[in-house]
N, C-alpha and C. Protein backbone atom coordinates (compact mmCIF):
# COMPACT_ATOMS: atom_id res chain seq x y z
N MET A 1 -22.13 43.74 -10.80
CA MET A 1 -21.53 42.59 -11.77
C MET A 1 -20.32 41.88 -11.63
N LYS A 2 -19.69 42.70 -11.53
CA LYS A 2 -17.74 42.75 -11.78
C LYS A 2 -17.62 42.69 -10.24
N THR A 3 -18.09 43.30 -9.39
CA THR A 3 -17.78 42.88 -8.42
C THR A 3 -18.23 41.34 -7.42
N THR A 4 -19.11 41.25 -7.70
CA THR A 4 -19.76 39.65 -7.78
C THR A 4 -18.75 38.55 -8.67
N LEU A 5 -18.54 38.83 -9.67
CA LEU A 5 -18.13 37.88 -10.35
C LEU A 5 -16.08 37.83 -9.75
N ALA A 6 -15.56 39.03 -9.40
CA ALA A 6 -14.03 38.76 -8.84
C ALA A 6 -14.36 38.60 -7.68
N ALA A 7 -14.94 38.19 -6.73
CA ALA A 7 -15.21 37.19 -5.76
C ALA A 7 -15.57 35.98 -5.70
N LEU A 8 -15.87 35.42 -7.32
CA LEU A 8 -16.65 34.52 -7.16
C LEU A 8 -15.24 33.83 -7.57
N LEU A 9 -14.23 34.31 -8.35
CA LEU A 9 -13.83 33.97 -8.92
C LEU A 9 -12.62 33.66 -7.53
N LEU A 10 -12.40 34.82 -6.92
CA LEU A 10 -10.78 35.08 -5.63
C LEU A 10 -11.51 33.55 -4.66
N GLY A 11 -12.61 33.39 -4.84
CA GLY A 11 -12.92 32.49 -3.63
C GLY A 11 -12.41 31.57 -4.17
N ALA A 12 -12.86 30.89 -5.75
CA ALA A 12 -12.53 29.22 -6.55
C ALA A 12 -10.63 29.62 -6.48
N THR A 13 -10.55 30.31 -6.11
CA THR A 13 -8.99 30.19 -5.96
C THR A 13 -9.06 29.82 -5.06
N VAL A 14 -8.99 30.10 -3.93
CA VAL A 14 -8.70 29.72 -2.41
C VAL A 14 -9.26 28.26 -2.40
N PHE A 15 -10.72 28.13 -2.90
CA PHE A 15 -11.13 26.55 -3.16
C PHE A 15 -10.27 25.52 -3.56
N VAL A 16 -9.60 25.80 -4.63
CA VAL A 16 -8.99 24.60 -5.27
C VAL A 16 -7.87 24.68 -4.81
N PRO A 17 -6.78 25.10 -4.41
CA PRO A 17 -5.97 24.61 -3.41
C PRO A 17 -6.18 23.87 -2.70
N ALA A 18 -7.23 23.99 -1.83
CA ALA A 18 -7.74 23.88 -0.43
C ALA A 18 -7.87 22.25 -0.91
N PHE A 19 -9.25 22.03 -1.90
CA PHE A 19 -9.28 20.94 -2.45
C PHE A 19 -8.16 19.96 -2.74
N ALA A 20 -7.27 20.75 -3.41
CA ALA A 20 -6.45 19.51 -3.88
C ALA A 20 -5.48 19.29 -2.82
N ASP A 21 -4.91 19.96 -1.98
CA ASP A 21 -4.43 19.86 -0.01
C ASP A 21 -4.97 18.78 0.04
N GLU A 22 -6.41 18.29 0.12
CA GLU A 22 -7.29 17.51 1.07
C GLU A 22 -7.21 16.29 -0.11
N ALA A 23 -7.48 16.20 -0.80
CA ALA A 23 -7.29 15.21 -2.25
C ALA A 23 -5.47 14.51 -1.55
N GLN A 24 -5.07 14.95 -1.64
CA GLN A 24 -2.78 14.87 -1.45
C GLN A 24 -3.78 13.93 0.05
N GLU A 25 -3.81 14.76 0.90
CA GLU A 25 -3.72 14.95 2.44
C GLU A 25 -5.06 13.16 2.38
N LYS A 26 -5.81 12.93 1.98
CA LYS A 26 -6.65 12.03 2.07
C LYS A 26 -5.89 10.75 1.24
N ALA A 27 -5.19 10.74 -0.26
CA ALA A 27 -4.72 9.89 -0.54
C ALA A 27 -3.50 9.09 0.10
N ILE A 28 -2.82 10.05 1.08
CA ILE A 28 -2.22 9.40 1.54
C ILE A 28 -2.52 8.38 2.89
N GLU A 29 -3.90 9.20 3.95
CA GLU A 29 -4.48 8.32 4.52
C GLU A 29 -4.71 7.18 4.15
N TYR A 30 -5.44 7.31 2.54
CA TYR A 30 -6.14 5.98 1.75
C TYR A 30 -5.02 4.80 2.00
N ARG A 31 -3.58 5.27 1.56
CA ARG A 31 -2.29 4.39 1.41
C ARG A 31 -2.08 3.54 3.11
N GLN A 32 -1.66 4.47 3.99
CA GLN A 32 -1.35 4.67 5.19
C GLN A 32 -2.05 3.47 5.42
N SER A 33 -3.64 3.83 5.28
CA SER A 33 -4.76 2.94 6.03
C SER A 33 -4.36 1.05 4.92
N VAL A 34 -4.22 1.12 3.70
CA VAL A 34 -3.81 -0.63 3.50
C VAL A 34 -2.76 -0.78 3.53
N PHE A 35 -1.77 -0.07 4.11
CA PHE A 35 -0.67 -0.96 4.46
C PHE A 35 -0.48 -1.04 6.29
N THR A 36 -1.62 -0.38 6.61
CA THR A 36 -1.42 -1.34 7.96
C THR A 36 -2.58 -2.43 7.98
N VAL A 37 -3.19 -2.26 6.92
CA VAL A 37 -4.59 -3.62 6.86
C VAL A 37 -2.94 -4.93 6.62
N VAL A 38 -2.28 -4.44 5.31
CA VAL A 38 -1.14 -5.72 5.17
C VAL A 38 -0.18 -5.89 6.26
N GLY A 39 -0.23 -5.16 7.20
CA GLY A 39 0.76 -5.64 8.30
C GLY A 39 0.22 -6.55 9.60
N TRP A 40 -1.09 -5.85 9.26
CA TRP A 40 -1.77 -6.25 10.83
C TRP A 40 -2.17 -7.91 10.36
N ASN A 41 -2.16 -8.18 8.90
CA ASN A 41 -2.38 -9.27 8.63
C ASN A 41 -1.35 -10.04 8.43
N PHE A 42 -0.23 -9.19 7.93
CA PHE A 42 1.46 -10.59 7.46
C PHE A 42 2.00 -11.10 9.06
N LYS A 43 1.91 -9.77 9.59
CA LYS A 43 2.69 -10.20 11.02
C LYS A 43 2.11 -11.85 11.61
N PRO A 44 0.69 -12.28 12.05
CA PRO A 44 0.82 -13.37 12.62
C PRO A 44 1.01 -14.16 11.44
N MET A 45 0.95 -14.13 10.64
CA MET A 45 1.16 -15.04 9.31
C MET A 45 2.67 -15.41 9.49
N GLY A 46 3.50 -14.76 9.73
CA GLY A 46 5.09 -14.67 9.95
C GLY A 46 5.11 -15.34 11.01
N ALA A 47 4.54 -14.84 12.42
CA ALA A 47 4.37 -15.43 13.17
C ALA A 47 4.23 -17.70 13.34
N MET A 48 3.25 -17.91 12.20
CA MET A 48 3.42 -18.92 11.96
C MET A 48 4.11 -19.82 10.89
N VAL A 49 5.09 -19.09 9.98
CA VAL A 49 5.52 -19.74 9.36
C VAL A 49 7.04 -19.32 10.22
N LYS A 50 7.05 -18.89 11.43
CA LYS A 50 8.14 -19.19 12.24
C LYS A 50 8.21 -20.06 13.24
N GLY A 51 7.16 -20.82 13.07
CA GLY A 51 6.65 -21.11 14.71
C GLY A 51 6.41 -20.57 16.15
N GLU A 52 6.00 -19.59 15.87
CA GLU A 52 5.81 -18.71 16.69
C GLU A 52 4.09 -18.34 17.14
N LYS A 53 3.60 -18.88 16.69
CA LYS A 53 2.08 -19.45 16.93
C LYS A 53 1.57 -20.22 16.22
N PRO A 54 0.56 -20.94 16.56
CA PRO A 54 0.40 -22.46 16.00
C PRO A 54 -0.22 -21.99 14.33
N TYR A 55 0.15 -23.04 13.30
CA TYR A 55 -0.35 -22.75 12.15
C TYR A 55 -1.91 -23.13 12.34
N ASN A 56 -2.32 -22.49 11.51
CA ASN A 56 -3.82 -22.75 11.70
C ASN A 56 -4.09 -22.31 10.08
N ALA A 57 -4.61 -23.22 9.56
CA ALA A 57 -4.58 -23.18 8.03
C ALA A 57 -5.72 -21.85 7.08
N ALA A 58 -6.81 -22.86 7.73
CA ALA A 58 -7.78 -21.50 7.90
C ALA A 58 -7.65 -19.89 7.73
N GLU A 59 -6.87 -19.83 8.89
CA GLU A 59 -6.44 -18.20 9.65
C GLU A 59 -5.53 -18.27 8.39
N PHE A 60 -4.41 -18.59 8.15
CA PHE A 60 -3.53 -18.27 7.36
C PHE A 60 -3.97 -18.22 5.95
N GLN A 61 -5.20 -19.21 5.45
CA GLN A 61 -5.60 -18.64 4.17
C GLN A 61 -5.96 -17.25 3.85
N ARG A 62 -7.38 -16.59 4.68
CA ARG A 62 -8.14 -15.29 5.11
C ARG A 62 -7.36 -14.75 5.19
N MET A 63 -5.62 -15.10 5.84
CA MET A 63 -5.14 -13.22 5.81
C MET A 63 -4.43 -13.14 4.51
N ALA A 64 -3.95 -14.56 4.12
CA ALA A 64 -2.97 -14.36 2.85
C ALA A 64 -4.22 -13.69 1.34
N GLU A 65 -5.21 -13.80 1.83
CA GLU A 65 -6.54 -13.93 0.46
C GLU A 65 -6.69 -11.94 0.96
N ASN A 66 -6.46 -11.27 2.03
CA ASN A 66 -6.88 -10.02 2.55
C ASN A 66 -6.18 -9.74 1.89
N ILE A 67 -4.41 -10.02 2.05
CA ILE A 67 -3.29 -9.00 1.55
C ILE A 67 -3.43 -9.60 0.51
N ALA A 68 -4.30 -10.23 -0.61
CA ALA A 68 -4.08 -9.87 -1.96
C ALA A 68 -4.61 -9.54 -2.57
N PHE A 69 -5.65 -8.93 -1.42
CA PHE A 69 -6.76 -8.46 -1.86
C PHE A 69 -6.04 -6.63 -2.22
N MET A 70 -5.24 -6.58 -0.63
CA MET A 70 -5.10 -5.19 -0.32
C MET A 70 -3.98 -4.64 -2.21
N SER A 71 -3.28 -5.53 -1.82
CA SER A 71 -1.89 -5.49 -2.63
C SER A 71 -2.55 -4.88 -4.36
N LYS A 72 -3.89 -5.00 -4.29
CA LYS A 72 -4.44 -4.51 -5.90
C LYS A 72 -5.01 -2.96 -5.87
N LEU A 73 -4.85 -2.84 -4.03
CA LEU A 73 -5.58 -1.47 -3.98
C LEU A 73 -4.53 -0.24 -3.52
N ALA A 74 -3.25 -0.85 -3.68
CA ALA A 74 -2.16 -0.18 -2.39
C ALA A 74 -1.67 1.28 -3.70
N THR A 75 -1.51 1.11 -4.90
CA THR A 75 -1.25 2.06 -5.94
C THR A 75 -1.93 3.17 -6.00
N GLU A 76 -3.14 2.81 -5.55
CA GLU A 76 -4.77 4.09 -5.82
C GLU A 76 -4.11 5.44 -5.26
N GLY A 77 -3.02 5.31 -4.07
CA GLY A 77 -3.05 5.79 -2.94
C GLY A 77 -1.50 6.69 -3.27
N PHE A 78 -1.19 6.35 -4.43
CA PHE A 78 -0.32 7.50 -4.59
C PHE A 78 -0.22 8.68 -5.31
N ILE A 79 -1.24 9.36 -5.47
CA ILE A 79 -1.33 10.54 -6.76
C ILE A 79 -0.56 11.40 -6.42
N PRO A 80 -0.01 11.82 -7.49
CA PRO A 80 0.64 12.93 -8.26
C PRO A 80 0.54 14.15 -6.95
N GLY A 81 1.47 14.45 -6.38
CA GLY A 81 1.76 15.69 -5.15
C GLY A 81 1.21 15.33 -3.68
N SER A 82 0.95 13.63 -3.59
CA SER A 82 1.23 13.57 -2.55
C SER A 82 2.15 12.85 -1.59
N ASP A 83 3.27 13.31 -1.78
CA ASP A 83 4.87 13.16 -0.62
C ASP A 83 4.38 14.07 0.15
N ALA A 84 5.69 13.83 0.46
CA ALA A 84 5.74 14.71 1.64
C ALA A 84 5.80 15.92 2.01
N LYS A 85 5.70 16.91 0.90
CA LYS A 85 5.22 18.30 1.36
C LYS A 85 4.01 18.28 1.36
N ALA A 86 2.56 17.50 1.24
CA ALA A 86 1.37 17.02 1.60
C ALA A 86 1.28 16.81 2.37
N GLY A 87 2.06 16.38 3.46
CA GLY A 87 1.50 15.28 4.68
C GLY A 87 2.46 14.63 5.07
N ASP A 88 2.03 13.77 5.95
CA ASP A 88 2.92 12.72 6.79
C ASP A 88 3.29 11.97 6.46
N THR A 89 3.80 11.31 5.58
CA THR A 89 4.34 10.17 4.84
C THR A 89 5.72 9.56 5.05
N GLU A 90 5.70 8.32 4.76
CA GLU A 90 7.12 7.77 4.92
C GLU A 90 8.10 7.81 3.14
N ALA A 91 6.76 8.40 2.36
CA ALA A 91 6.75 7.77 0.88
C ALA A 91 7.93 8.39 0.51
N LYS A 92 9.18 7.85 -0.53
CA LYS A 92 10.60 9.03 -1.09
C LYS A 92 9.80 9.41 -2.26
N ASP A 93 10.29 10.81 -2.90
CA ASP A 93 9.85 11.37 -3.89
C ASP A 93 10.12 10.53 -5.41
N ASP A 94 11.56 9.58 -5.06
CA ASP A 94 11.79 8.96 -5.76
C ASP A 94 10.26 7.79 -6.43
N ILE A 95 9.14 7.82 -5.95
CA ILE A 95 8.24 6.79 -5.74
C ILE A 95 7.43 7.71 -7.63
N TRP A 96 7.44 9.35 -7.59
CA TRP A 96 6.79 9.82 -8.58
C TRP A 96 8.10 10.07 -9.82
N LYS A 97 8.92 9.86 -9.57
CA LYS A 97 10.66 10.61 -10.19
C LYS A 97 10.89 9.27 -11.05
N LYS A 98 10.15 7.78 -10.25
CA LYS A 98 10.53 6.49 -11.04
C LYS A 98 9.48 6.07 -11.06
N PRO A 99 8.70 6.51 -11.28
CA PRO A 99 6.96 5.86 -12.07
C PRO A 99 6.95 4.47 -12.30
N GLU A 100 7.69 4.28 -13.57
CA GLU A 100 7.80 2.48 -13.65
C GLU A 100 8.65 1.45 -12.74
N GLU A 101 9.43 2.01 -12.16
CA GLU A 101 10.28 1.34 -11.44
C GLU A 101 9.17 0.25 -10.89
N PHE A 102 8.75 2.18 -9.73
CA PHE A 102 7.41 1.73 -8.57
C PHE A 102 6.44 0.60 -8.67
N LYS A 103 5.84 1.35 -9.78
CA LYS A 103 4.88 0.46 -10.39
C LYS A 103 5.47 -1.44 -10.51
N SER A 104 6.18 -1.49 -10.63
CA SER A 104 6.50 -2.57 -11.22
C SER A 104 7.16 -3.37 -9.76
N LYS A 105 7.43 -2.72 -8.93
CA LYS A 105 7.94 -3.56 -7.69
C LYS A 105 6.39 -3.35 -6.91
N MET A 106 5.54 -2.70 -7.12
CA MET A 106 4.16 -2.96 -6.79
C MET A 106 3.88 -3.97 -7.53
N ALA A 107 3.98 -4.41 -8.80
CA ALA A 107 3.28 -5.72 -9.70
C ALA A 107 3.85 -6.63 -8.67
N ASP A 108 5.30 -7.26 -8.26
CA ASP A 108 5.84 -7.61 -7.93
C ASP A 108 5.37 -8.52 -6.91
N PHE A 109 4.88 -7.52 -5.65
CA PHE A 109 4.24 -7.32 -4.74
C PHE A 109 2.74 -8.08 -4.65
N GLU A 110 2.29 -7.75 -5.99
CA GLU A 110 0.37 -8.05 -6.63
C GLU A 110 0.85 -9.46 -6.28
N LYS A 111 1.56 -9.70 -7.51
CA LYS A 111 1.84 -11.24 -7.95
C LYS A 111 2.52 -12.10 -7.03
N ALA A 112 3.26 -12.25 -6.27
CA ALA A 112 3.37 -12.45 -4.79
C ALA A 112 2.17 -12.87 -4.30
N SER A 113 1.80 -11.40 -3.66
CA SER A 113 0.78 -12.45 -2.52
C SER A 113 -0.87 -12.75 -3.24
N ALA A 114 -0.73 -12.89 -4.44
CA ALA A 114 -1.83 -13.61 -5.17
C ALA A 114 -1.15 -14.82 -5.01
N GLU A 115 -0.09 -15.34 -5.22
CA GLU A 115 0.70 -16.82 -5.39
C GLU A 115 0.73 -16.86 -4.10
N LEU A 116 0.70 -16.68 -2.70
CA LEU A 116 0.64 -17.27 -1.76
C LEU A 116 -0.94 -17.16 -1.14
N ALA A 117 -1.66 -16.43 -1.82
CA ALA A 117 -2.95 -17.11 -1.33
C ALA A 117 -3.07 -17.75 -2.03
N LEU A 118 -3.46 -18.13 -3.13
CA LEU A 118 -3.35 -19.50 -4.19
C LEU A 118 -2.98 -20.89 -3.39
N ALA A 119 -1.63 -20.39 -2.63
CA ALA A 119 -0.82 -21.63 -2.11
C ALA A 119 -1.45 -21.71 -1.01
N SER A 120 -2.15 -20.94 -0.02
CA SER A 120 -2.58 -20.78 1.22
C SER A 120 -3.69 -22.02 1.40
N LYS A 121 -4.33 -22.22 -0.33
CA LYS A 121 -5.86 -23.10 -0.28
C LYS A 121 -5.48 -24.72 0.33
N GLY A 122 -4.01 -24.52 -0.51
CA GLY A 122 -3.62 -26.43 -0.01
C GLY A 122 -3.61 -26.91 1.55
N GLY A 123 -3.28 -25.37 2.53
CA GLY A 123 -2.88 -25.61 3.77
C GLY A 123 -1.49 -26.24 4.37
N ASP A 124 -1.37 -26.81 3.08
CA ASP A 124 0.70 -27.26 3.35
C ASP A 124 1.69 -25.59 3.65
N LEU A 125 1.49 -26.08 4.78
CA LEU A 125 2.63 -24.87 5.59
C LEU A 125 3.96 -25.23 5.15
N ASN A 126 4.64 -26.09 4.73
CA ASN A 126 6.26 -26.30 4.20
C ASN A 126 5.32 -25.75 2.26
N ALA A 127 4.81 -25.54 1.99
CA ALA A 127 4.22 -25.36 0.67
C ALA A 127 4.23 -23.54 0.22
N ILE A 128 3.72 -23.33 1.74
CA ILE A 128 3.38 -21.80 1.90
C ILE A 128 4.45 -21.11 1.69
N LYS A 129 5.45 -21.88 2.57
CA LYS A 129 6.77 -21.21 3.50
C LYS A 129 7.45 -20.02 2.89
N PRO A 130 8.09 -20.81 1.45
CA PRO A 130 8.92 -19.98 0.40
C PRO A 130 8.04 -18.68 0.00
N LEU A 131 7.04 -19.03 -0.67
CA LEU A 131 6.01 -18.22 -0.84
C LEU A 131 5.52 -17.03 -0.48
N PHE A 132 5.48 -17.20 1.28
CA PHE A 132 5.77 -16.42 2.43
C PHE A 132 6.89 -14.96 2.19
N GLY A 133 7.75 -15.55 2.17
CA GLY A 133 9.17 -15.21 2.44
C GLY A 133 9.41 -14.66 0.66
N LYS A 134 8.55 -14.41 0.19
CA LYS A 134 9.18 -14.32 -1.49
C LYS A 134 8.59 -13.11 -1.18
N THR A 135 7.15 -13.32 -0.87
CA THR A 135 6.09 -11.90 -0.94
C THR A 135 6.71 -10.80 0.62
N ALA A 136 7.16 -11.75 0.96
CA ALA A 136 7.92 -10.64 2.02
C ALA A 136 8.88 -9.76 1.29
N GLU A 137 9.69 -10.59 0.48
CA GLU A 137 11.31 -10.05 -0.15
C GLU A 137 10.89 -8.89 -0.76
N THR A 138 9.07 -8.71 -1.75
CA THR A 138 8.72 -8.07 -2.36
C THR A 138 7.98 -6.42 -1.75
N CYS A 139 8.05 -6.67 -0.14
CA CYS A 139 7.84 -5.61 0.49
C CYS A 139 9.10 -5.18 0.70
N LYS A 140 9.84 -5.55 1.93
CA LYS A 140 11.82 -5.20 1.61
C LYS A 140 11.77 -4.50 0.52
N ALA A 141 11.99 -5.48 -0.67
CA ALA A 141 12.41 -4.30 -2.03
C ALA A 141 12.13 -2.91 -2.06
N CYS A 142 10.87 -2.73 -2.15
CA CYS A 142 9.62 -1.71 -2.32
C CYS A 142 9.83 -0.82 -1.66
N HIS A 143 10.44 -1.10 0.14
CA HIS A 143 10.52 -0.29 0.99
C HIS A 143 12.19 0.32 0.63
N LYS A 144 12.72 -0.29 0.57
CA LYS A 144 14.44 -0.62 0.27
C LYS A 144 14.29 1.09 -0.83
N ALA A 145 13.74 1.36 -1.79
CA ALA A 145 13.91 2.11 -2.59
C ALA A 145 12.73 3.26 -2.45
N PHE A 146 11.62 2.87 -1.97
CA PHE A 146 11.21 4.10 -1.89
C PHE A 146 10.02 4.12 -0.59
N ARG A 147 10.96 3.37 0.08
CA ARG A 147 10.32 4.55 1.61
C ARG A 147 11.30 4.99 2.57
N LYS A 148 10.79 5.95 3.20
CA LYS A 148 11.83 6.77 4.22
C LYS A 148 12.09 5.67 5.50
N ASP A 149 13.23 5.40 6.08
CA ASP A 149 13.44 5.16 6.91
C ASP A 149 12.93 5.59 8.20
């Protein structure tokens, strides 16, 4: 009986850290996927705003709504322990050292992207441009503070 209990406890001590490591790696993968989707949508929008690509109001609106939706999901992937020690990530440790500042910057991104999505429904590129710039600035501000170069 003692041997069986000891074997179970030993197995549990091996399994728990492995599970924790897997959860942290999955969190990194999750947030990188979210930001890949954001970039996938943001780049063509930027090309439209700059006049490098013809403006398509319906396409722009769809992409703006995608970004607004994804902005709400992004912070879920920043769980404790999912820093550079847990896997391949460009996230700085400051995310976990300054969580309120990080949450504030992510809230700025969420708000700006929601405003952009709302404005995009009107289809007026001139009205959209400043909000696109504001959204881009929220990205840059967070990257500067919390992303490794």
